[in-house]
Amino acid sequence: MDKQETPRQKKINKVLQQEVATLLQGAIRQENVSNLMISVTKVHVTSDLTSAKIYLSIFPTQDAQRHFEVLKENKFQLRHDLSQRMKNQLRRVPDLQFFLDDSLDYIESIDNELKKGKNPIKNPEALEPRQKK
């Protein structure tokens, strides 16, 4: 059973979400990458503050996996940059774990099926199965 998040965890989740988003957007601008948007959809830090799960949406979705792999390869640099930005707020930056958030794609597929006149609730095999992580 999942324990309720403490106020400190909630605060750290919010700050990490903002800071990671700022760093990623800055990296995209610095590399002059066009037509790429990375959004940090949610962050969950463990109760001992040693690990953070960071969920990302990457657009356009057809290149999402490639960009996601590059991001995972550079997570140590991102953690270092994050520690420099947050040195006055956190004694130790948690270990970062990244996950692709496909919920917007799933919502879009439901919407498309509804527009076609199909009801995905009555006919669940009309939708592609979601990846569980």
N, C-alpha and C. Protein backbone atom coordinates (compact mmCIF):
# COMPACT_ATOMS: atom_id res chain seq x y z
N MET A 1 0.84 -1.19 0.00
CA MET A 1 0.00 0.00 0.00
C MET A 1 0.88 1.25 0.00
N ASP A 2 0.55 2.19 -0.85
CA ASP A 2 1.32 3.42 -0.98
C ASP A 2 1.05 4.34 0.19
N LYS A 3 2.11 4.83 0.81
CA LYS A 3 1.96 5.76 1.92
C LYS A 3 1.68 7.15 1.37
N GLN A 4 1.02 7.93 2.18
CA GLN A 4 0.73 9.31 1.80
C GLN A 4 2.03 10.11 1.75
N GLU A 5 2.15 10.98 0.74
CA GLU A 5 3.34 11.82 0.64
C GLU A 5 3.33 12.87 1.74
N THR A 6 4.50 13.12 2.29
CA THR A 6 4.64 14.16 3.31
C THR A 6 4.64 15.53 2.63
N PRO A 7 4.36 16.58 3.37
CA PRO A 7 4.44 17.93 2.78
C PRO A 7 5.83 18.22 2.20
N ARG A 8 6.87 17.72 2.85
CA ARG A 8 8.23 17.93 2.34
C ARG A 8 8.41 17.23 0.99
N GLN A 9 7.91 16.01 0.87
CA GLN A 9 8.00 15.30 -0.42
C GLN A 9 7.26 16.08 -1.50
N LYS A 10 6.08 16.56 -1.18
CA LYS A 10 5.29 17.31 -2.17
C LYS A 10 6.04 18.55 -2.63
N LYS A 11 6.65 19.24 -1.68
CA LYS A 11 7.40 20.46 -2.00
C LYS A 11 8.60 20.12 -2.89
N ILE A 12 9.33 19.06 -2.53
CA ILE A 12 10.50 18.67 -3.32
C ILE A 12 10.07 18.19 -4.71
N ASN A 13 8.96 17.46 -4.79
CA ASN A 13 8.45 17.04 -6.10
C ASN A 13 8.22 18.25 -7.01
N LYS A 14 7.58 19.25 -6.46
CA LYS A 14 7.25 20.45 -7.24
C LYS A 14 8.51 21.19 -7.69
N VAL A 15 9.45 21.36 -6.75
CA VAL A 15 10.69 22.08 -7.07
C VAL A 15 11.51 21.29 -8.11
N LEU A 16 11.61 19.97 -7.92
CA LEU A 16 12.34 19.14 -8.89
C LEU A 16 11.70 19.21 -10.27
N GLN A 17 10.36 19.17 -10.31
CA GLN A 17 9.66 19.24 -11.59
C GLN A 17 9.99 20.55 -12.32
N GLN A 18 9.97 21.65 -11.60
CA GLN A 18 10.27 22.95 -12.21
C GLN A 18 11.73 23.03 -12.65
N GLU A 19 12.64 22.60 -11.80
CA GLU A 19 14.07 22.72 -12.11
C GLU A 19 14.49 21.80 -13.26
N VAL A 20 13.99 20.57 -13.26
CA VAL A 20 14.33 19.64 -14.35
C VAL A 20 13.77 20.17 -15.67
N ALA A 21 12.55 20.67 -15.65
CA ALA A 21 11.95 21.24 -16.87
C ALA A 21 12.78 22.42 -17.38
N THR A 22 13.22 23.28 -16.47
CA THR A 22 14.05 24.43 -16.86
C THR A 22 15.36 23.97 -17.48
N LEU A 23 16.01 22.99 -16.85
CA LEU A 23 17.28 22.48 -17.38
C LEU A 23 17.10 21.83 -18.75
N LEU A 24 16.05 21.05 -18.92
CA LEU A 24 15.82 20.37 -20.21
C LEU A 24 15.53 21.38 -21.31
N GLN A 25 14.70 22.37 -21.01
CA GLN A 25 14.38 23.38 -22.02
C GLN A 25 15.63 24.19 -22.37
N GLY A 26 16.45 24.49 -21.38
CA GLY A 26 17.70 25.20 -21.64
C GLY A 26 18.64 24.39 -22.52
N ALA A 27 18.71 23.08 -22.28
CA ALA A 27 19.57 22.21 -23.10
C ALA A 27 19.07 22.14 -24.54
N ILE A 28 17.76 22.11 -24.71
CA ILE A 28 17.19 22.09 -26.06
C ILE A 28 17.54 23.37 -26.81
N ARG A 29 17.39 24.51 -26.11
CA ARG A 29 17.73 25.80 -26.74
C ARG A 29 19.22 25.88 -27.05
N GLN A 30 20.06 25.43 -26.12
CA GLN A 30 21.51 25.50 -26.28
C GLN A 30 21.98 24.66 -27.47
N GLU A 31 21.34 23.52 -27.68
CA GLU A 31 21.72 22.64 -28.80
C GLU A 31 21.05 23.05 -30.11
N ASN A 32 20.24 24.10 -30.08
CA ASN A 32 19.53 24.58 -31.27
C ASN A 32 18.67 23.49 -31.91
N VAL A 33 18.02 22.69 -31.09
CA VAL A 33 17.12 21.63 -31.58
C VAL A 33 15.77 22.27 -31.82
N SER A 34 15.27 22.12 -33.03
CA SER A 34 13.95 22.68 -33.32
C SER A 34 12.92 21.55 -33.33
N ASN A 35 11.67 21.91 -33.17
CA ASN A 35 10.56 20.95 -33.19
C ASN A 35 10.70 19.86 -32.14
N LEU A 36 11.11 20.23 -30.94
CA LEU A 36 11.19 19.27 -29.84
C LEU A 36 10.67 19.95 -28.58
N MET A 37 9.77 19.25 -27.91
CA MET A 37 9.26 19.75 -26.64
C MET A 37 9.28 18.61 -25.64
N ILE A 38 9.89 18.86 -24.50
CA ILE A 38 9.92 17.89 -23.41
C ILE A 38 9.21 18.51 -22.23
N SER A 39 8.23 17.80 -21.72
CA SER A 39 7.46 18.29 -20.59
C SER A 39 7.62 17.31 -19.42
N VAL A 40 7.89 17.84 -18.25
CA VAL A 40 7.97 17.02 -17.05
C VAL A 40 6.55 16.95 -16.48
N THR A 41 5.91 15.79 -16.63
CA THR A 41 4.50 15.68 -16.25
C THR A 41 4.31 15.44 -14.77
N LYS A 42 5.21 14.68 -14.14
CA LYS A 42 5.12 14.50 -12.69
C LYS A 42 6.43 13.98 -12.15
N VAL A 43 6.62 14.19 -10.85
CA VAL A 43 7.82 13.74 -10.15
C VAL A 43 7.37 13.11 -8.84
N HIS A 44 7.95 11.95 -8.52
CA HIS A 44 7.69 11.29 -7.24
C HIS A 44 9.02 11.00 -6.58
N VAL A 45 9.26 11.64 -5.44
CA VAL A 45 10.49 11.40 -4.69
C VAL A 45 10.16 10.42 -3.56
N THR A 46 11.10 9.52 -3.27
CA THR A 46 10.89 8.55 -2.20
C THR A 46 10.88 9.24 -0.84
N SER A 47 10.35 8.56 0.15
CA SER A 47 10.23 9.16 1.48
C SER A 47 11.58 9.49 2.10
N ASP A 48 12.63 8.72 1.73
CA ASP A 48 13.96 9.03 2.27
C ASP A 48 14.72 10.02 1.38
N LEU A 49 14.08 10.51 0.33
CA LEU A 49 14.61 11.54 -0.58
C LEU A 49 15.86 11.10 -1.34
N THR A 50 16.07 9.80 -1.50
CA THR A 50 17.27 9.32 -2.21
C THR A 50 17.01 9.05 -3.68
N SER A 51 15.76 8.93 -4.07
CA SER A 51 15.45 8.59 -5.46
C SER A 51 14.22 9.37 -5.92
N ALA A 52 14.25 9.79 -7.19
CA ALA A 52 13.12 10.52 -7.76
C ALA A 52 12.75 9.90 -9.10
N LYS A 53 11.48 9.57 -9.26
CA LYS A 53 10.95 9.10 -10.54
C LYS A 53 10.41 10.32 -11.28
N ILE A 54 10.95 10.53 -12.48
CA ILE A 54 10.57 11.71 -13.27
C ILE A 54 9.89 11.22 -14.54
N TYR A 55 8.64 11.65 -14.73
CA TYR A 55 7.85 11.24 -15.88
C TYR A 55 7.85 12.36 -16.91
N LEU A 56 8.15 11.98 -18.15
CA LEU A 56 8.31 12.95 -19.23
C LEU A 56 7.39 12.66 -20.40
N SER A 57 6.88 13.72 -21.00
CA SER A 57 6.20 13.63 -22.29
C SER A 57 7.11 14.30 -23.30
N ILE A 58 7.33 13.62 -24.42
CA ILE A 58 8.23 14.15 -25.44
C ILE A 58 7.45 14.26 -26.75
N PHE A 59 7.49 15.45 -27.35
CA PHE A 59 6.81 15.69 -28.63
C PHE A 59 7.82 16.17 -29.64
N PRO A 60 7.83 15.75 -30.86
CA PRO A 60 6.89 14.81 -31.47
C PRO A 60 7.14 13.38 -30.98
N THR A 61 6.06 12.63 -30.87
CA THR A 61 6.13 11.30 -30.27
C THR A 61 6.89 10.29 -31.12
N GLN A 62 6.96 10.50 -32.45
CA GLN A 62 7.67 9.52 -33.28
C GLN A 62 9.17 9.48 -32.99
N ASP A 63 9.74 10.56 -32.45
CA ASP A 63 11.16 10.59 -32.09
C ASP A 63 11.37 10.48 -30.58
N ALA A 64 10.31 10.25 -29.84
CA ALA A 64 10.37 10.29 -28.38
C ALA A 64 11.37 9.27 -27.82
N GLN A 65 11.37 8.05 -28.33
CA GLN A 65 12.24 7.02 -27.78
C GLN A 65 13.72 7.38 -27.96
N ARG A 66 14.06 7.92 -29.12
CA ARG A 66 15.45 8.31 -29.39
C ARG A 66 15.90 9.43 -28.43
N HIS A 67 15.07 10.45 -28.28
CA HIS A 67 15.39 11.55 -27.37
C HIS A 67 15.43 11.06 -25.92
N PHE A 68 14.55 10.14 -25.58
CA PHE A 68 14.50 9.58 -24.23
C PHE A 68 15.80 8.84 -23.91
N GLU A 69 16.31 8.07 -24.87
CA GLU A 69 17.56 7.33 -24.66
C GLU A 69 18.74 8.29 -24.47
N VAL A 70 18.79 9.37 -25.25
CA VAL A 70 19.85 10.38 -25.11
C VAL A 70 19.77 11.01 -23.72
N LEU A 71 18.56 11.30 -23.28
CA LEU A 71 18.37 11.89 -21.96
C LEU A 71 18.86 10.94 -20.86
N LYS A 72 18.53 9.66 -20.97
CA LYS A 72 18.98 8.69 -19.96
C LYS A 72 20.50 8.57 -19.95
N GLU A 73 21.13 8.67 -21.12
CA GLU A 73 22.59 8.61 -21.20
C GLU A 73 23.24 9.80 -20.48
N ASN A 74 22.54 10.93 -20.47
CA ASN A 74 23.07 12.16 -19.89
C ASN A 74 22.49 12.48 -18.52
N LYS A 75 21.89 11.50 -17.85
CA LYS A 75 21.23 11.79 -16.57
C LYS A 75 22.22 12.21 -15.48
N PHE A 76 23.48 11.74 -15.57
CA PHE A 76 24.46 12.14 -14.55
C PHE A 76 24.82 13.61 -14.69
N GLN A 77 24.92 14.10 -15.92
CA GLN A 77 25.17 15.53 -16.15
C GLN A 77 23.98 16.35 -15.67
N LEU A 78 22.79 15.86 -15.96
CA LEU A 78 21.58 16.56 -15.53
C LEU A 78 21.52 16.62 -13.99
N ARG A 79 21.87 15.52 -13.34
CA ARG A 79 21.87 15.49 -11.87
C ARG A 79 22.91 16.47 -11.32
N HIS A 80 24.07 16.53 -11.96
CA HIS A 80 25.10 17.48 -11.53
C HIS A 80 24.61 18.92 -11.68
N ASP A 81 24.02 19.23 -12.84
CA ASP A 81 23.49 20.58 -13.07
C ASP A 81 22.39 20.92 -12.05
N LEU A 82 21.58 19.91 -11.75
CA LEU A 82 20.51 20.09 -10.78
C LEU A 82 21.08 20.36 -9.39
N SER A 83 22.16 19.65 -9.05
CA SER A 83 22.77 19.87 -7.73
C SER A 83 23.35 21.28 -7.62
N GLN A 84 23.87 21.82 -8.72
CA GLN A 84 24.39 23.19 -8.69
C GLN A 84 23.27 24.20 -8.49
N ARG A 85 22.13 23.94 -9.12
CA ARG A 85 20.99 24.87 -9.01
C ARG A 85 20.31 24.78 -7.65
N MET A 86 20.35 23.59 -7.03
CA MET A 86 19.57 23.36 -5.80
C MET A 86 20.43 23.20 -4.56
N LYS A 87 21.69 23.62 -4.63
CA LYS A 87 22.60 23.39 -3.50
C LYS A 87 22.15 24.07 -2.21
N ASN A 88 21.37 25.14 -2.31
CA ASN A 88 20.88 25.82 -1.11
C ASN A 88 19.54 25.26 -0.62
N GLN A 89 18.93 24.38 -1.43
CA GLN A 89 17.63 23.83 -1.06
C GLN A 89 17.70 22.37 -0.60
N LEU A 90 18.60 21.60 -1.21
CA LEU A 90 18.73 20.19 -0.87
C LEU A 90 20.18 19.86 -0.54
N ARG A 91 20.36 19.10 0.50
CA ARG A 91 21.71 18.68 0.86
C ARG A 91 22.24 17.70 -0.19
N ARG A 92 21.37 16.80 -0.64
CA ARG A 92 21.78 15.79 -1.62
C ARG A 92 20.66 15.64 -2.65
N VAL A 93 21.00 15.75 -3.92
CA VAL A 93 20.02 15.59 -4.99
C VAL A 93 19.73 14.09 -5.15
N PRO A 94 18.46 13.72 -5.22
CA PRO A 94 18.14 12.29 -5.34
C PRO A 94 18.62 11.71 -6.67
N ASP A 95 18.77 10.39 -6.68
CA ASP A 95 19.08 9.67 -7.91
C ASP A 95 17.88 9.83 -8.84
N LEU A 96 18.14 10.14 -10.10
CA LEU A 96 17.06 10.42 -11.05
C LEU A 96 16.75 9.18 -11.90
N GLN A 97 15.49 8.82 -11.95
CA GLN A 97 15.02 7.74 -12.81
C GLN A 97 13.97 8.33 -13.75
N PHE A 98 14.18 8.14 -15.04
CA PHE A 98 13.27 8.74 -16.02
C PHE A 98 12.34 7.69 -16.61
N PHE A 99 11.10 8.12 -16.84
CA PHE A 99 10.09 7.27 -17.44
C PHE A 99 9.32 8.09 -18.48
N LEU A 100 8.96 7.44 -19.58
CA LEU A 100 8.11 8.10 -20.58
C LEU A 100 6.67 8.05 -20.10
N ASP A 101 6.01 9.18 -20.12
CA ASP A 101 4.60 9.26 -19.75
C ASP A 101 3.78 9.24 -21.03
N ASP A 102 3.10 8.12 -21.27
CA ASP A 102 2.34 7.98 -22.51
C ASP A 102 0.84 8.26 -22.31
N SER A 103 0.49 8.87 -21.19
CA SER A 103 -0.94 9.08 -20.91
C SER A 103 -1.60 10.01 -21.93
N LEU A 104 -0.89 11.03 -22.43
CA LEU A 104 -1.49 11.92 -23.43
C LEU A 104 -1.73 11.19 -24.74
N ASP A 105 -0.81 10.30 -25.11
CA ASP A 105 -1.00 9.50 -26.32
C ASP A 105 -2.20 8.57 -26.17
N TYR A 106 -2.34 8.00 -24.98
CA TYR A 106 -3.44 7.08 -24.71
C TYR A 106 -4.77 7.83 -24.77
N ILE A 107 -4.81 9.02 -24.19
CA ILE A 107 -6.03 9.84 -24.25
C ILE A 107 -6.36 10.19 -25.69
N GLU A 108 -5.34 10.52 -26.47
CA GLU A 108 -5.56 10.85 -27.88
C GLU A 108 -6.11 9.65 -28.64
N SER A 109 -5.61 8.45 -28.36
CA SER A 109 -6.12 7.27 -29.05
C SER A 109 -7.58 6.99 -28.68
N ILE A 110 -7.95 7.24 -27.42
CA ILE A 110 -9.35 7.09 -27.02
C ILE A 110 -10.21 8.11 -27.76
N ASP A 111 -9.74 9.34 -27.82
CA ASP A 111 -10.47 10.40 -28.51
C ASP A 111 -10.66 10.05 -29.99
N ASN A 112 -9.60 9.54 -30.63
CA ASN A 112 -9.70 9.17 -32.05
C ASN A 112 -10.71 8.05 -32.27
N GLU A 113 -10.71 7.07 -31.37
CA GLU A 113 -11.68 5.97 -31.49
C GLU A 113 -13.10 6.48 -31.30
N LEU A 114 -13.30 7.41 -30.38
CA LEU A 114 -14.62 7.98 -30.17
C LEU A 114 -15.09 8.77 -31.40
N LYS A 115 -14.15 9.48 -32.05
CA LYS A 115 -14.49 10.24 -33.25
C LYS A 115 -14.87 9.31 -34.41
N LYS A 116 -14.31 8.11 -34.42
CA LYS A 116 -14.64 7.13 -35.46
C LYS A 116 -15.99 6.47 -35.20
N GLY A 117 -16.57 6.76 -34.04
CA GLY A 117 -17.86 6.17 -33.71
C GLY A 117 -17.73 4.87 -32.94
N LYS A 118 -16.52 4.49 -32.59
CA LYS A 118 -16.33 3.27 -31.81
C LYS A 118 -16.32 3.64 -30.33
N ASN A 119 -16.72 2.71 -29.51
CA ASN A 119 -16.73 2.95 -28.08
C ASN A 119 -15.66 2.07 -27.44
N PRO A 120 -14.51 2.65 -27.06
CA PRO A 120 -13.44 1.84 -26.48
C PRO A 120 -13.79 1.23 -25.13
N ILE A 121 -14.83 1.73 -24.49
CA ILE A 121 -15.23 1.14 -23.21
C ILE A 121 -15.93 -0.19 -23.46
N LYS A 122 -16.80 -0.24 -24.47
CA LYS A 122 -17.49 -1.48 -24.80
C LYS A 122 -16.62 -2.42 -25.61
N ASN A 123 -15.65 -1.85 -26.35
CA ASN A 123 -14.79 -2.64 -27.22
C ASN A 123 -13.33 -2.29 -26.90
N PRO A 124 -12.78 -2.76 -25.77
CA PRO A 124 -11.44 -2.34 -25.35
C PRO A 124 -10.32 -2.79 -26.28
N GLU A 125 -10.53 -3.81 -27.08
CA GLU A 125 -9.46 -4.24 -27.99
C GLU A 125 -9.28 -3.27 -29.16
N ALA A 126 -10.12 -2.26 -29.28
CA ALA A 126 -9.96 -1.24 -30.32
C ALA A 126 -8.73 -0.37 -30.03
N LEU A 127 -8.32 -0.30 -28.78
CA LEU A 127 -7.16 0.50 -28.40
C LEU A 127 -5.92 -0.36 -28.27
N GLU A 128 -4.79 0.25 -28.59
CA GLU A 128 -3.51 -0.44 -28.36
C GLU A 128 -3.28 -0.51 -26.86
N PRO A 129 -2.73 -1.60 -26.37
CA PRO A 129 -2.48 -1.69 -24.91
C PRO A 129 -1.41 -0.70 -24.48
N ARG A 130 -1.56 -0.19 -23.27
CA ARG A 130 -0.58 0.74 -22.71
C ARG A 130 0.60 -0.02 -22.17
N GLN A 131 1.74 0.63 -22.19
CA GLN A 131 2.95 0.04 -21.61
C GLN A 131 2.92 0.29 -20.12
N LYS A 132 3.02 -0.77 -19.35
CA LYS A 132 3.06 -0.63 -17.89
C LYS A 132 4.50 -0.54 -17.46
N LYS A 133 4.79 0.39 -16.58
CA LYS A 133 6.16 0.58 -16.10
C LYS A 133 6.20 0.59 -14.62
